[in-house]
Amino acid sequence: MEIEGDIYNISVFFTSLAQNANRIPFKGVETKGDSINFRLQSDFYIYSFRNKWADNYSKLQGSLSVDTVTTEYILEKKLLDHKSAPLNEEINFQSNGTKLYGTIWYPETIRNKGLVIVTSSGNADRSASRAVAILFSQMGFTTFHYEKRGTGNSGGNWEVATMKELLADDIKAISYFCEKTGIPLKEIGIKGSSQGVTKIPYILNGLANLSYGIVVSCPGVTLLDSDLNYWKNRNA
């Protein structure tokens, strides 16, 4: 669980890389005094969490209720240990006159194998793919994730950009990563989820020497249908 924000605006997210879950937002976040409650909706169940902060906000003591079953737990705050994270490098590059920002993560032993995480829909910055980037780096891949135009530190506006422009940014990012690291395209794969998956065939066609694509939560629709679905959900 990741709890972020301040006393006026708190968000809670669930991440489990083993279940391909990355920053799934909790719903119904309620705070009062030292209490914080929230729930997670799955396909079949509602997971209700009721919590109290303890030991000067270093621990979260609470209970989880699912259907008729309730269990108690204590969660301890995990402080970020930057020393244990893989070596990384903050970079920026130009794409069609727009400056985009990203991070390259280097494995402990360089294997000349690369992986680029393709951006998806919405306004998430690269922090949404940070855990995945680190995981693949720890597995021996030099990994690159970046912020599409209009997110994080990157310039531009993704909401008015055409899909053709966003695909051009993806291809530019991969080409930049190839030149920056010296890893040939034939040793680089790409990974995407949701709309990022929909873009993978286009990117593989645009850069024929790319080794492979990894797809997670693949939509079985066209890019246009994906965009229209996102717009309808956002404006429902």
C-alpha atoms as a PDB file:
ATOM      1  CA  MET A   1       0.000   0.000   0.000  1.00  0.00           C
ATOM      2  CA  GLU A   2       1.137   3.509  -0.785  1.00  0.00           C
ATOM      3  CA  ILE A   3      -0.448   6.367   1.178  1.00  0.00           C
ATOM      4  CA  GLU A   4       0.278   9.774  -0.311  1.00  0.00           C
ATOM      5  CA  GLY A   5      -0.778  13.389   0.176  1.00  0.00           C
ATOM      6  CA  ASP A   6      -1.508  15.643   3.141  1.00  0.00           C
ATOM      7  CA  ILE A   7      -4.282  16.016   5.697  1.00  0.00           C
ATOM      8  CA  TYR A   8      -6.519  17.678   3.105  1.00  0.00           C
ATOM      9  CA  ASN A   9      -6.070  15.294   0.196  1.00  0.00           C
ATOM     10  CA  ILE A  10      -4.972  11.684   0.738  1.00  0.00           C
ATOM     11  CA  SER A  11      -4.738   8.969  -1.928  1.00  0.00           C
ATOM     12  CA  VAL A  12      -4.081   5.276  -1.328  1.00  0.00           C
ATOM     13  CA  PHE A  13      -2.765   2.805  -3.921  1.00  0.00           C
ATOM     14  CA  PHE A  14      -2.242  -0.957  -4.051  1.00  0.00           C
ATOM     15  CA  THR A  15       0.745  -2.511  -5.846  1.00  0.00           C
ATOM     16  CA  SER A  16       1.572  -6.191  -6.310  1.00  0.00           C
ATOM     17  CA  LEU A  17       3.948  -6.884  -9.186  1.00  0.00           C
ATOM     18  CA  ALA A  18       3.337 -10.627  -8.812  1.00  0.00           C
ATOM     19  CA  GLN A  19      -0.326  -9.969  -9.676  1.00  0.00           C
ATOM     20  CA  ASN A  20       0.452  -7.391 -12.394  1.00  0.00           C
ATOM     21  CA  ALA A  21      -1.184  -4.766 -10.162  1.00  0.00           C
ATOM     22  CA  ASN A  22       0.507  -1.370 -10.209  1.00  0.00           C
ATOM     23  CA  ARG A  23      -0.870   1.535  -8.176  1.00  0.00           C
ATOM     24  CA  ILE A  24      -4.510   0.441  -8.200  1.00  0.00           C
ATOM     25  CA  PRO A  25      -6.380   3.270  -6.424  1.00  0.00           C
ATOM     26  CA  PHE A  26      -8.370   2.524  -3.276  1.00  0.00           C
ATOM     27  CA  LYS A  27     -11.877   4.001  -3.110  1.00  0.00           C
ATOM     28  CA  GLY A  28     -13.785   5.734  -0.332  1.00  0.00           C
ATOM     29  CA  VAL A  29     -10.723   7.074   1.487  1.00  0.00           C
ATOM     30  CA  GLU A  30     -11.903   8.568   4.805  1.00  0.00           C
ATOM     31  CA  THR A  31      -9.739  10.211   7.463  1.00  0.00           C
ATOM     32  CA  LYS A  32     -10.668  11.397  10.924  1.00  0.00           C
ATOM     33  CA  GLY A  33      -8.111  12.103  13.617  1.00  0.00           C
ATOM     34  CA  ASP A  34      -5.702   9.169  13.689  1.00  0.00           C
ATOM     35  CA  SER A  35      -8.033   6.936  11.648  1.00  0.00           C
ATOM     36  CA  ILE A  36      -7.907   6.216   7.918  1.00  0.00           C
ATOM     37  CA  ASN A  37     -10.294   3.866   6.144  1.00  0.00           C
ATOM     38  CA  PHE A  38     -10.523   2.791   2.503  1.00  0.00           C
ATOM     39  CA  ARG A  39     -11.712  -0.060   0.302  1.00  0.00           C
ATOM     40  CA  LEU A  40     -10.541  -1.985  -2.744  1.00  0.00           C
ATOM     41  CA  GLN A  41     -13.011  -3.322  -5.305  1.00  0.00           C
ATOM     42  CA  SER A  42     -12.221  -6.550  -7.164  1.00  0.00           C
ATOM     43  CA  ASP A  43     -14.327  -8.399  -9.702  1.00  0.00           C
ATOM     44  CA  PHE A  44     -16.151 -10.326  -6.964  1.00  0.00           C
ATOM     45  CA  TYR A  45     -15.427  -8.796  -3.544  1.00  0.00           C
ATOM     46  CA  ILE A  46     -15.049  -5.510  -1.680  1.00  0.00           C
ATOM     47  CA  TYR A  47     -11.971  -5.410   0.572  1.00  0.00           C
ATOM     48  CA  SER A  48     -12.659  -2.969   3.425  1.00  0.00           C
ATOM     49  CA  PHE A  49      -9.730  -1.632   5.445  1.00  0.00           C
ATOM     50  CA  ARG A  50     -10.237   0.191   8.766  1.00  0.00           C
ATOM     51  CA  ASN A  51      -7.057   1.572  10.299  1.00  0.00           C
ATOM     52  CA  LYS A  52      -5.519   3.676  13.049  1.00  0.00           C
ATOM     53  CA  TRP A  53      -2.051   5.184  12.992  1.00  0.00           C
ATOM     54  CA  ALA A  54       0.268   4.098  15.805  1.00  0.00           C
ATOM     55  CA  ASP A  55       3.782   4.869  17.080  1.00  0.00           C
ATOM     56  CA  ASN A  56       3.873   8.407  15.722  1.00  0.00           C
ATOM     57  CA  TYR A  57       2.502   7.418  12.307  1.00  0.00           C
ATOM     58  CA  SER A  58       5.156   4.744  11.766  1.00  0.00           C
ATOM     59  CA  LYS A  59       2.658   1.864  11.921  1.00  0.00           C
ATOM     60  CA  LEU A  60      -0.838   1.244  10.638  1.00  0.00           C
ATOM     61  CA  GLN A  61      -2.961  -0.981  12.882  1.00  0.00           C
ATOM     62  CA  GLY A  62      -6.219  -2.174  11.395  1.00  0.00           C
ATOM     63  CA  SER A  63      -8.560  -4.852  10.150  1.00  0.00           C
ATOM     64  CA  LEU A  64      -9.454  -6.183   6.709  1.00  0.00           C
ATOM     65  CA  SER A  65     -13.008  -7.378   6.068  1.00  0.00           C
ATOM     66  CA  VAL A  66     -13.947  -9.438   3.010  1.00  0.00           C
ATOM     67  CA  ASP A  67     -17.514 -10.725   2.812  1.00  0.00           C
ATOM     68  CA  THR A  68     -18.085 -12.251   6.310  1.00  0.00           C
ATOM     69  CA  VAL A  69     -14.398 -12.714   7.189  1.00  0.00           C
ATOM     70  CA  THR A  70     -12.351 -10.164   9.165  1.00  0.00           C
ATOM     71  CA  THR A  71      -8.654 -10.340  10.023  1.00  0.00           C
ATOM     72  CA  GLU A  72      -6.424  -7.948  11.951  1.00  0.00           C
ATOM     73  CA  TYR A  73      -2.964  -6.766  10.925  1.00  0.00           C
ATOM     74  CA  ILE A  74      -0.182  -4.278  11.625  1.00  0.00           C
ATOM     75  CA  LEU A  75       1.687  -2.625   8.752  1.00  0.00           C
ATOM     76  CA  GLU A  76       5.007  -0.872   9.254  1.00  0.00           C
ATOM     77  CA  LYS A  77       6.086   2.106   7.173  1.00  0.00           C
ATOM     78  CA  LYS A  78       8.842   1.197   4.746  1.00  0.00           C
ATOM     79  CA  LEU A  79      11.288   4.028   4.305  1.00  0.00           C
ATOM     80  CA  LEU A  80      12.760   4.414   0.827  1.00  0.00           C
ATOM     81  CA  ASP A  81      16.292   3.076   0.771  1.00  0.00           C
ATOM     82  CA  HIS A  82      17.945   4.753  -2.184  1.00  0.00           C
ATOM     83  CA  LYS A  83      21.188   2.876  -1.475  1.00  0.00           C
ATOM     84  CA  SER A  84      19.526  -0.454  -2.295  1.00  0.00           C
ATOM     85  CA  ALA A  85      17.980   0.825  -5.536  1.00  0.00           C
ATOM     86  CA  PRO A  86      19.845   0.094  -8.787  1.00  0.00           C
ATOM     87  CA  LEU A  87      22.122   2.734 -10.269  1.00  0.00           C
ATOM     88  CA  ASN A  88      19.990   5.163 -12.252  1.00  0.00           C
ATOM     89  CA  GLU A  89      20.394   8.179 -14.487  1.00  0.00           C
ATOM     90  CA  GLU A  90      17.944  11.034 -15.060  1.00  0.00           C
ATOM     91  CA  ILE A  91      17.852  12.027 -18.728  1.00  0.00           C
ATOM     92  CA  ASN A  92      15.928  14.181 -21.190  1.00  0.00           C
ATOM     93  CA  PHE A  93      15.604  14.136 -24.962  1.00  0.00           C
ATOM     94  CA  GLN A  94      13.867  16.045 -27.726  1.00  0.00           C
ATOM     95  CA  SER A  95      10.923  14.679 -29.709  1.00  0.00           C
ATOM     96  CA  ASN A  96       9.340  16.857 -32.380  1.00  0.00           C
ATOM     97  CA  GLY A  97      10.488  19.997 -30.572  1.00  0.00           C
ATOM     98  CA  THR A  98       9.229  18.838 -27.157  1.00  0.00           C
ATOM     99  CA  LYS A  99      11.547  17.981 -24.253  1.00  0.00           C
ATOM    100  CA  LEU A 100      10.661  14.684 -22.573  1.00  0.00           C
ATOM    101  CA  TYR A 101      12.145  13.333 -19.329  1.00  0.00           C
ATOM    102  CA  GLY A 102      12.885   9.810 -18.145  1.00  0.00           C
ATOM    103  CA  THR A 103      15.073   7.513 -16.049  1.00  0.00           C
ATOM    104  CA  ILE A 104      17.474   4.760 -17.078  1.00  0.00           C
ATOM    105  CA  TRP A 105      18.046   1.994 -14.514  1.00  0.00           C
ATOM    106  CA  TYR A 106      21.265  -0.015 -14.769  1.00  0.00           C
ATOM    107  CA  PRO A 107      21.630  -3.607 -13.549  1.00  0.00           C
ATOM    108  CA  GLU A 108      24.441  -4.589 -11.228  1.00  0.00           C
ATOM    109  CA  THR A 109      25.986  -6.640 -14.037  1.00  0.00           C
ATOM    110  CA  ILE A 110      25.567  -5.191 -17.529  1.00  0.00           C
ATOM    111  CA  ARG A 111      24.225  -7.893 -19.883  1.00  0.00           C
ATOM    112  CA  ASN A 112      23.627  -5.746 -22.963  1.00  0.00           C
ATOM    113  CA  LYS A 113      19.894  -6.447 -22.657  1.00  0.00           C
ATOM    114  CA  GLY A 114      17.455  -3.544 -22.676  1.00  0.00           C
ATOM    115  CA  LEU A 115      13.786  -3.014 -21.853  1.00  0.00           C
ATOM    116  CA  VAL A 116      11.735   0.122 -22.514  1.00  0.00           C
ATOM    117  CA  ILE A 117       8.409   0.662 -20.741  1.00  0.00           C
ATOM    118  CA  VAL A 118       5.929   2.258 -23.147  1.00  0.00           C
ATOM    119  CA  THR A 119       3.593   4.973 -21.841  1.00  0.00           C
ATOM    120  CA  SER A 120      -0.147   4.444 -21.604  1.00  0.00           C
ATOM    121  CA  SER A 121      -3.293   6.597 -21.426  1.00  0.00           C
ATOM    122  CA  GLY A 122      -4.027   9.107 -18.681  1.00  0.00           C
ATOM    123  CA  ASN A 123      -1.817  11.637 -16.913  1.00  0.00           C
ATOM    124  CA  ALA A 124       0.405   9.350 -14.808  1.00  0.00           C
ATOM    125  CA  ASP A 125       4.074  10.312 -14.643  1.00  0.00           C
ATOM    126  CA  ARG A 126       6.981   7.856 -14.630  1.00  0.00           C
ATOM    127  CA  SER A 127       6.536   7.112 -10.905  1.00  0.00           C
ATOM    128  CA  ALA A 128       3.697   4.773 -11.934  1.00  0.00           C
ATOM    129  CA  SER A 129       6.207   2.467 -13.666  1.00  0.00           C
ATOM    130  CA  ARG A 130       9.125   2.969 -11.252  1.00  0.00           C
ATOM    131  CA  ALA A 131       8.631  -0.325  -9.385  1.00  0.00           C
ATOM    132  CA  VAL A 132       8.450  -2.302 -12.642  1.00  0.00           C
ATOM    133  CA  ALA A 133      11.546  -0.545 -14.008  1.00  0.00           C
ATOM    134  CA  ILE A 134      13.513  -1.390 -10.864  1.00  0.00           C
ATOM    135  CA  LEU A 135      12.281  -4.999 -10.908  1.00  0.00           C
ATOM    136  CA  PHE A 136      13.522  -5.595 -14.461  1.00  0.00           C
ATOM    137  CA  SER A 137      16.782  -3.835 -13.667  1.00  0.00           C
ATOM    138  CA  GLN A 138      17.307  -6.212 -10.754  1.00  0.00           C
ATOM    139  CA  MET A 139      16.680  -9.055 -13.215  1.00  0.00           C
ATOM    140  CA  GLY A 140      19.597  -7.861 -15.347  1.00  0.00           C
ATOM    141  CA  PHE A 141      17.961  -5.528 -17.882  1.00  0.00           C
ATOM    142  CA  THR A 142      19.022  -1.948 -18.522  1.00  0.00           C
ATOM    143  CA  THR A 143      15.569  -0.411 -18.209  1.00  0.00           C
ATOM    144  CA  PHE A 144      14.130   2.879 -19.417  1.00  0.00           C
ATOM    145  CA  HIS A 145      10.845   4.578 -18.540  1.00  0.00           C
ATOM    146  CA  TYR A 146       9.844   8.093 -19.483  1.00  0.00           C
ATOM    147  CA  GLU A 147       7.108  10.651 -19.102  1.00  0.00           C
ATOM    148  CA  LYS A 148       4.969  11.265 -22.154  1.00  0.00           C
ATOM    149  CA  ARG A 149       4.305  14.827 -23.202  1.00  0.00           C
ATOM    150  CA  GLY A 150       2.294  16.806 -20.687  1.00  0.00           C
ATOM    151  CA  THR A 151       2.996  14.498 -17.725  1.00  0.00           C
ATOM    152  CA  GLY A 152       5.571  14.886 -14.955  1.00  0.00           C
ATOM    153  CA  ASN A 153       8.409  17.136 -16.100  1.00  0.00           C
ATOM    154  CA  SER A 154       7.824  16.611 -19.820  1.00  0.00           C
ATOM    155  CA  GLY A 155       6.636  19.502 -21.952  1.00  0.00           C
ATOM    156  CA  GLY A 156       3.684  19.505 -24.318  1.00  0.00           C
ATOM    157  CA  ASN A 157       0.097  18.389 -23.848  1.00  0.00           C
ATOM    158  CA  TRP A 158      -0.908  14.762 -24.331  1.00  0.00           C
ATOM    159  CA  GLU A 159      -4.621  15.604 -24.299  1.00  0.00           C
ATOM    160  CA  VAL A 160      -4.414  17.475 -27.614  1.00  0.00           C
ATOM    161  CA  ALA A 161      -1.695  15.277 -29.156  1.00  0.00           C
ATOM    162  CA  THR A 162      -2.674  12.864 -31.899  1.00  0.00           C
ATOM    163  CA  MET A 163      -1.910   9.168 -31.516  1.00  0.00           C
ATOM    164  CA  LYS A 164       0.541   9.557 -34.386  1.00  0.00           C
ATOM    165  CA  GLU A 165       2.450  12.167 -32.355  1.00  0.00           C
ATOM    166  CA  LEU A 166       2.470   9.996 -29.229  1.00  0.00           C
ATOM    167  CA  LEU A 167       3.730   6.994 -31.227  1.00  0.00           C
ATOM    168  CA  ALA A 168       6.462   9.200 -32.712  1.00  0.00           C
ATOM    169  CA  ASP A 169       7.474  10.129 -29.140  1.00  0.00           C
ATOM    170  CA  ASP A 170       7.645   6.426 -28.197  1.00  0.00           C
ATOM    171  CA  ILE A 171       9.810   5.592 -31.193  1.00  0.00           C
ATOM    172  CA  LYS A 172      12.064   8.576 -30.475  1.00  0.00           C
ATOM    173  CA  ALA A 173      12.433   7.477 -26.837  1.00  0.00           C
ATOM    174  CA  ILE A 174      13.441   3.945 -27.845  1.00  0.00           C
ATOM    175  CA  SER A 175      15.905   5.233 -30.451  1.00  0.00           C
ATOM    176  CA  TYR A 176      17.394   7.616 -27.877  1.00  0.00           C
ATOM    177  CA  PHE A 177      17.754   4.783 -25.353  1.00  0.00           C
ATOM    178  CA  CYS A 178      19.492   2.658 -27.991  1.00  0.00           C
ATOM    179  CA  GLU A 179      21.985   5.437 -28.797  1.00  0.00           C
ATOM    180  CA  LYS A 180      22.519   6.435 -25.155  1.00  0.00           C
ATOM    181  CA  THR A 181      23.289   2.916 -23.869  1.00  0.00           C
ATOM    182  CA  GLY A 182      24.826   1.405 -26.994  1.00  0.00           C
ATOM    183  CA  ILE A 183      22.434  -1.558 -26.741  1.00  0.00           C
ATOM    184  CA  PRO A 184      21.334  -2.566 -30.270  1.00  0.00           C
ATOM    185  CA  LEU A 185      17.630  -2.668 -31.105  1.00  0.00           C
ATOM    186  CA  LYS A 186      17.801  -6.449 -31.577  1.00  0.00           C
ATOM    187  CA  GLU A 187      18.622  -6.744 -27.854  1.00  0.00           C
ATOM    188  CA  ILE A 188      15.852  -4.377 -26.697  1.00  0.00           C
ATOM    189  CA  GLY A 189      12.264  -5.288 -25.853  1.00  0.00           C
ATOM    190  CA  ILE A 190       9.298  -3.083 -25.022  1.00  0.00           C
ATOM    191  CA  LYS A 191       6.614  -3.532 -22.371  1.00  0.00           C
ATOM    192  CA  GLY A 192       3.218  -1.900 -22.151  1.00  0.00           C
ATOM    193  CA  SER A 193      -0.097  -2.200 -20.381  1.00  0.00           C
ATOM    194  CA  SER A 194      -3.597  -1.142 -21.337  1.00  0.00           C
ATOM    195  CA  GLN A 195      -3.316   1.475 -24.120  1.00  0.00           C
ATOM    196  CA  GLY A 196       0.439   0.973 -24.080  1.00  0.00           C
ATOM    197  CA  VAL A 197      -0.257  -2.582 -25.266  1.00  0.00           C
ATOM    198  CA  THR A 198      -2.328  -1.269 -28.160  1.00  0.00           C
ATOM    199  CA  LYS A 199       0.649   0.807 -29.300  1.00  0.00           C
ATOM    200  CA  ILE A 200       3.146  -2.064 -29.226  1.00  0.00           C
ATOM    201  CA  PRO A 201       2.334  -3.529 -32.694  1.00  0.00           C
ATOM    202  CA  TYR A 202       2.661  -0.061 -34.243  1.00  0.00           C
ATOM    203  CA  ILE A 203       6.026   0.479 -32.552  1.00  0.00           C
ATOM    204  CA  LEU A 204       7.307  -2.964 -33.552  1.00  0.00           C
ATOM    205  CA  ASN A 205       6.376  -2.139 -37.142  1.00  0.00           C
ATOM    206  CA  GLY A 206       8.053   1.261 -36.884  1.00  0.00           C
ATOM    207  CA  LEU A 207      11.266  -0.234 -35.465  1.00  0.00           C
ATOM    208  CA  ALA A 208      11.491  -3.608 -37.168  1.00  0.00           C
ATOM    209  CA  ASN A 209      14.744  -4.588 -35.436  1.00  0.00           C
ATOM    210  CA  LEU A 210      13.211  -4.461 -31.945  1.00  0.00           C
ATOM    211  CA  SER A 211      13.454  -7.858 -30.274  1.00  0.00           C
ATOM    212  CA  TYR A 212       9.974  -8.335 -28.739  1.00  0.00           C
ATOM    213  CA  GLY A 213       6.988  -6.800 -26.961  1.00  0.00           C
ATOM    214  CA  ILE A 214       5.486  -7.713 -23.587  1.00  0.00           C
ATOM    215  CA  VAL A 215       1.754  -7.050 -23.231  1.00  0.00           C
ATOM    216  CA  VAL A 216      -0.169  -6.777 -19.940  1.00  0.00           C
ATOM    217  CA  SER A 217      -3.935  -6.125 -19.692  1.00  0.00           C
ATOM    218  CA  CYS A 218      -4.257  -6.055 -23.454  1.00  0.00           C
ATOM    219  CA  PRO A 219      -7.329  -4.289 -24.898  1.00  0.00           C
ATOM    220  CA  GLY A 220      -8.783  -6.014 -27.936  1.00  0.00           C
ATOM    221  CA  VAL A 221      -9.711  -2.799 -29.696  1.00  0.00           C
ATOM    222  CA  THR A 222      -8.143  -0.242 -32.011  1.00  0.00           C
ATOM    223  CA  LEU A 223      -6.291   2.832 -30.782  1.00  0.00           C
ATOM    224  CA  LEU A 224      -9.290   4.989 -31.735  1.00  0.00           C
ATOM    225  CA  ASP A 225     -11.709   2.777 -29.799  1.00  0.00           C
ATOM    226  CA  SER A 226      -9.335   2.880 -26.824  1.00  0.00           C
ATOM    227  CA  ASP A 227      -9.273   6.687 -26.861  1.00  0.00           C
ATOM    228  CA  LEU A 228     -13.057   6.922 -27.248  1.00  0.00           C
ATOM    229  CA  ASN A 229     -13.567   4.494 -24.351  1.00  0.00           C
ATOM    230  CA  TYR A 230     -11.223   6.554 -22.140  1.00  0.00           C
ATOM    231  CA  TRP A 231     -13.125   9.740 -23.046  1.00  0.00           C
ATOM    232  CA  LYS A 232     -16.513   8.164 -22.315  1.00  0.00           C
ATOM    233  CA  ASN A 233     -15.367   6.834 -18.930  1.00  0.00           C
ATOM    234  CA  ARG A 234     -13.866  10.181 -17.996  1.00  0.00           C
ATOM    235  CA  ASN A 235     -16.995  12.119 -18.953  1.00  0.00           C
ATOM    236  CA  ALA A 236     -19.633   9.646 -17.782  1.00  0.00           C
END
